[in-house]
Protein backbone atom coordinates (compact mmCIF):
# COMPACT_ATOMS: atom_id res chain seq x y z
CA UNK A 1 153.08 194.82 130.54
CA UNK A 2 151.75 198.20 130.75
CA UNK A 3 152.15 200.70 127.73
CA UNK A 4 155.34 202.80 128.01
CA UNK A 5 154.54 206.30 129.50
CA UNK A 6 155.04 209.11 126.89
CA UNK A 7 156.65 212.52 127.98
CA UNK A 8 154.55 215.63 127.29
CA UNK A 9 157.05 216.43 124.41
CA UNK A 10 156.41 213.12 122.78
CA UNK A 11 152.67 213.61 123.14
CA UNK A 12 153.03 217.13 121.61
CA UNK A 13 155.04 215.67 118.63
CA UNK A 14 152.47 212.99 117.98
CA UNK A 15 149.67 215.36 118.07
CA UNK A 16 151.49 217.79 115.67
CA UNK A 17 152.27 214.92 113.27
CA UNK A 18 148.63 213.81 113.28
CA UNK A 19 147.36 217.36 112.84
CA UNK A 20 149.74 218.00 109.79
CA UNK A 21 148.52 214.61 108.29
CA UNK A 22 144.88 215.78 108.63
CA UNK A 23 145.53 219.20 107.33
CA UNK A 24 146.71 217.90 104.02
CA UNK A 25 143.27 217.49 102.83
CA UNK A 26 142.69 221.29 103.05
CA UNK A 27 144.10 223.79 100.58
CA UNK A 28 145.80 226.13 103.02
CA UNK A 29 146.62 226.33 106.77
CA UNK A 30 144.97 229.87 106.91
CA UNK A 31 141.61 228.43 105.82
CA UNK A 32 141.77 225.49 108.07
CA UNK A 33 142.68 227.55 111.15
CA UNK A 34 139.86 229.99 110.14
CA UNK A 35 137.37 227.21 110.09
CA UNK A 36 138.57 225.78 113.40
CA UNK A 37 138.30 229.30 115.03
CA UNK A 38 141.94 229.01 116.07
CA UNK A 39 144.48 231.69 115.73
CA UNK A 40 146.87 230.94 112.82
CA UNK A 41 150.02 231.47 114.79
CA UNK A 42 148.74 229.26 117.64
CA UNK A 43 147.55 226.68 115.15
CA UNK A 44 151.28 226.62 113.81
CA UNK A 45 152.57 225.96 117.23
CA UNK A 46 150.18 223.00 117.42
CA UNK A 47 151.51 221.70 113.99
CA UNK A 48 155.09 222.00 115.14
CA UNK A 49 154.63 220.17 118.19
CA UNK A 50 155.59 223.31 120.37
CA UNK A 51 152.21 223.70 122.16
CA UNK A 52 149.05 221.72 123.04
CA UNK A 53 145.57 223.00 122.95
CA UNK A 54 143.27 223.41 126.01
CA UNK A 55 140.58 220.70 126.48
CA UNK A 56 137.88 222.66 124.81
CA UNK A 57 139.99 223.40 121.80
CA UNK A 58 141.13 219.73 121.47
CA UNK A 59 137.41 218.81 121.52
CA UNK A 60 136.83 221.26 118.77
CA UNK A 61 139.68 219.85 116.73
CA UNK A 62 138.51 216.22 117.29
CA UNK A 63 134.94 216.98 116.43
CA UNK A 64 135.98 218.81 113.21
CA UNK A 65 138.18 216.02 111.90
CA UNK A 66 135.69 213.26 113.30
CA UNK A 67 138.61 211.55 115.43
CA UNK A 68 138.91 210.93 119.11
CA UNK A 69 141.36 211.65 121.78
CA UNK A 70 143.69 208.80 120.37
CA UNK A 71 144.85 211.57 118.09
CA UNK A 72 147.40 212.14 121.07
CA UNK A 73 148.62 208.69 121.23
CA UNK A 74 148.54 206.80 117.93
CA UNK A 75 149.28 207.85 114.17
CA UNK A 76 145.97 209.20 112.95
CA UNK A 77 145.91 206.99 109.76
CA UNK A 78 145.46 203.97 112.11
CA UNK A 79 142.88 205.16 114.50
CA UNK A 80 139.92 204.49 112.42
CA UNK A 81 141.15 201.22 111.02
CA UNK A 82 142.31 199.06 113.94
CA UNK A 83 140.60 195.68 113.81
CA UNK A 84 139.43 196.38 110.19
CA UNK A 85 140.64 194.09 107.36
CA UNK A 86 140.25 195.54 103.93
CA UNK A 87 140.53 199.18 105.10
CA UNK A 88 143.22 198.44 107.64
CA UNK A 89 146.85 199.49 107.17
CA UNK A 90 147.92 196.10 105.79
CA UNK A 91 145.42 195.76 102.81
CA UNK A 92 143.92 199.25 102.39
CA UNK A 93 145.96 200.04 99.27
CA UNK A 94 145.53 196.65 97.69
CA UNK A 95 142.02 195.58 98.34
CA UNK A 96 140.32 198.42 100.23
CA UNK A 97 140.15 200.98 97.49
CA UNK A 98 137.47 199.05 95.77
CA UNK A 99 135.42 198.87 98.83
CA UNK A 100 135.22 202.50 99.37
CA UNK A 101 134.83 203.56 95.86
CA UNK A 102 131.89 201.61 94.76
CA UNK A 103 129.36 204.14 93.84
CA UNK A 104 125.59 204.01 93.19
CA UNK A 105 126.25 204.47 89.57
CA UNK A 106 128.51 201.47 89.47
CA UNK A 107 126.17 199.12 91.49
CA UNK A 108 123.09 200.80 92.80
CA UNK A 109 121.33 199.96 96.07
CA UNK A 110 117.90 198.12 96.12
CA UNK A 111 116.56 194.71 95.50
CA UNK A 112 118.09 192.39 92.91
CA UNK A 113 116.66 189.18 91.44
CA UNK A 114 119.50 186.84 90.62
CA UNK A 115 119.31 183.73 88.29
CA UNK A 116 121.93 180.96 87.71
CA UNK A 117 122.18 177.17 87.39
CA UNK A 118 121.73 175.46 90.58
CA UNK A 119 124.76 173.93 92.25
CA UNK A 120 122.78 171.04 93.81
CA UNK A 121 120.43 170.34 91.12
CA UNK A 122 122.45 170.83 87.81
CA UNK A 123 119.30 170.17 85.61
CA UNK A 124 117.56 173.29 87.21
CA UNK A 125 118.10 176.85 87.51
CA UNK A 126 117.74 178.86 90.75
CA UNK A 127 116.00 182.22 91.24
CA UNK A 128 116.55 184.26 94.30
CA UNK A 129 116.58 187.81 95.73
CA UNK A 130 119.26 189.87 97.17
CA UNK A 131 119.38 193.34 98.85
CA UNK A 132 122.12 195.74 98.36
CA UNK A 133 122.61 198.57 100.75
CA UNK A 134 125.28 200.98 102.02
CA UNK A 135 126.50 201.67 105.53
CA UNK A 136 129.47 203.83 106.48
CA UNK A 137 130.74 203.93 102.96
CA UNK A 138 130.76 200.06 102.60
CA UNK A 139 128.28 198.36 100.18
CA UNK A 140 126.80 195.30 101.70
CA UNK A 141 124.56 192.48 100.30
CA UNK A 142 122.07 190.32 102.07
CA UNK A 143 119.30 187.87 101.41
CA UNK A 144 117.97 184.46 102.05
CA UNK A 145 118.61 181.13 100.38
CA UNK A 146 115.60 179.59 98.63
CA UNK A 147 113.79 177.15 100.75
CA UNK A 148 113.83 174.52 98.01
CA UNK A 149 117.66 174.69 97.75
CA UNK A 150 118.04 174.35 101.50
CA UNK A 151 115.43 171.62 101.71
CA UNK A 152 117.15 169.51 98.92
CA UNK A 153 120.48 169.71 100.86
CA UNK A 154 118.90 168.54 104.05
CA UNK A 155 119.39 171.86 105.91
CA UNK A 156 116.98 173.75 107.94
CA UNK A 157 114.72 176.14 106.17
CA UNK A 158 114.29 178.64 109.02
CA UNK A 159 115.12 182.24 108.28
CA UNK A 160 118.21 182.37 110.53
CA UNK A 161 119.79 179.35 108.63
CA UNK A 162 118.96 180.58 105.29
CA UNK A 163 120.31 184.11 105.67
CA UNK A 164 123.45 185.08 103.73
CA UNK A 165 125.47 188.27 103.93
CA UNK A 166 128.43 189.81 102.16
CA UNK A 167 130.21 192.76 100.92
CA UNK A 168 130.85 194.22 97.43
CA UNK A 169 133.95 195.71 96.08
CA UNK A 170 134.53 197.68 92.77
CA UNK A 171 136.60 195.91 90.07
CA UNK A 172 137.90 197.36 86.77
CA UNK A 173 134.88 196.92 84.75
CA UNK A 174 132.32 195.46 87.29
CA UNK A 175 131.79 194.43 90.82
CA UNK A 176 132.70 191.45 92.93
CA UNK A 177 130.80 190.09 95.94
CA UNK A 178 132.09 187.77 98.77
CA UNK A 179 128.95 186.05 100.39
CA UNK A 180 128.50 183.55 103.12
CA UNK A 181 125.84 182.16 105.50
CA UNK A 182 125.91 182.72 109.18
CA UNK A 183 128.83 180.81 110.97
CA UNK A 184 129.83 179.10 107.50
CA UNK A 185 133.39 178.24 106.71
CA UNK A 186 132.71 178.42 103.12
CA UNK A 187 131.63 181.36 100.79
CA UNK A 188 130.85 182.29 97.25
CA UNK A 189 132.71 184.65 95.05
CA UNK A 190 130.72 186.57 92.62
CA UNK A 191 131.83 188.55 89.70
CA UNK A 192 129.30 190.78 87.67
CA UNK A 193 129.65 193.37 84.87
CA UNK A 194 126.77 195.46 83.46
CA UNK A 195 125.37 194.59 79.97
CA UNK A 196 123.26 196.51 77.61
CA UNK A 197 119.57 196.29 78.17
CA UNK A 198 116.45 198.31 77.90
CA UNK A 199 116.55 199.74 81.46
CA UNK A 200 120.27 199.32 81.91
CA UNK A 201 119.57 197.14 84.94
CA UNK A 202 121.32 193.89 84.18
CA UNK A 203 124.52 192.59 85.42
CA UNK A 204 126.16 189.28 84.09
CA UNK A 205 129.07 187.26 85.44
CA UNK A 206 129.64 184.12 87.41
CA UNK A 207 129.64 182.60 90.85
CA UNK A 208 132.20 180.14 92.32
CA UNK A 209 131.88 178.15 95.45
CA UNK A 210 134.72 177.46 97.92
CA UNK A 211 134.66 173.70 97.90
CA UNK A 212 136.84 170.84 96.90
CA UNK A 213 136.64 169.49 93.27
CA UNK A 214 134.81 166.37 92.94
CA UNK A 215 133.55 164.03 90.23
CA UNK A 216 130.02 165.43 90.54
CA UNK A 217 128.79 168.88 91.18
CA UNK A 218 129.55 172.17 89.72
CA UNK A 219 131.79 174.79 91.51
CA UNK A 220 131.31 177.75 88.96
CA UNK A 221 128.52 178.76 86.84
CA UNK A 222 127.15 181.79 85.05
CA UNK A 223 124.87 184.19 86.88
CA UNK A 224 122.56 187.13 86.17
CA UNK A 225 121.74 190.01 88.55
CA UNK A 226 118.77 192.16 87.62
CA UNK A 227 118.14 195.45 89.62
CA UNK A 228 114.57 195.77 90.67
CA UNK A 229 115.21 198.82 92.82
CA UNK A 230 112.11 199.50 94.67
CA UNK A 231 109.61 198.26 92.27
CA UNK A 232 107.45 196.53 94.77
CA UNK A 233 105.08 194.76 92.18
CA UNK A 234 108.17 193.28 90.55
CA UNK A 235 109.69 192.43 93.82
CA UNK A 236 106.86 190.68 95.01
CA UNK A 237 106.38 188.63 91.80
CA UNK A 238 110.09 187.80 91.91
CA UNK A 239 109.75 186.63 95.46
CA UNK A 240 106.70 184.32 94.64
CA UNK A 241 108.86 182.70 91.86
CA UNK A 242 111.93 182.13 93.80
CA UNK A 243 113.30 178.68 93.93
CA UNK A 244 114.19 176.08 91.21
CA UNK A 245 112.82 176.27 87.63
CA UNK A 246 113.30 174.06 84.66
CA UNK A 247 115.56 175.14 81.75
CA UNK A 248 112.55 175.21 79.58
CA UNK A 249 111.05 178.08 81.56
CA UNK A 250 114.00 180.47 80.97
CA UNK A 251 113.27 183.46 78.82
CA UNK A 252 115.09 184.03 75.38
CA UNK A 253 116.86 186.94 77.04
CA UNK A 254 117.90 184.96 80.11
CA UNK A 255 119.06 182.05 77.83
CA UNK A 256 121.33 184.38 75.88
CA UNK A 257 122.75 186.02 78.79
CA UNK A 258 123.51 182.80 80.52
CA UNK A 259 124.90 181.21 77.34
CA UNK A 260 122.87 178.15 77.87
CA UNK A 261 124.57 175.08 76.10
CA UNK A 262 127.90 176.76 75.96
CA UNK A 263 130.57 175.49 78.62
CA UNK A 264 131.69 177.95 81.26
CA UNK A 265 135.40 178.94 80.90
């Protein structure tokens, strides 16, 4: 079925409603019309749906507000979120705010070294690296599972299979990460909060796996994230040490942060 054809009056009304919505972000219509280079009286006619701009003026308006010609057809608050989940109209006010407000101060970009008890070898701890970066206002995380951990599970150790990606969202006093490997139907949930340290670069929390409860194996454990930023000598050292380590090789500081010996609750 084809979309119902709209009358010129309906298109003008939609455009006017969208323009009014966009104009709310500016202190006055006079200032906005001046910045757009449009006569104030004519701009008011656009706002009321009485008139429609020439193609060159429409192009100027769309460029200014960073929207496209769908401003004629659909409510402007849905134009840039169709097909999106967290920032779409259904969840934006419930989950999307944390995605768009996670700042560099809250959780800086760069390389992180993480340390946690292994899920597959509970007598060992696992060291790995994650890269946090930002794109189009969203904070992402990616990295590669340690080869030792993949090999122990009988999985391929090639880079494509080992790669994981996810996104970060702001929490009241920390950050949450949702991470998965390519094509996986399971993921991990990570919660981290900054703790006092010499360089203010440590986050501590926990990680959980989306797997069934069983008689053996852990589904949740404490975890440390250490921000290395772009300190390449430390990053290379951390990369060389990634994989399994014995509990006896944990530093006293790491043992304290991980509360070794205390049950996770």
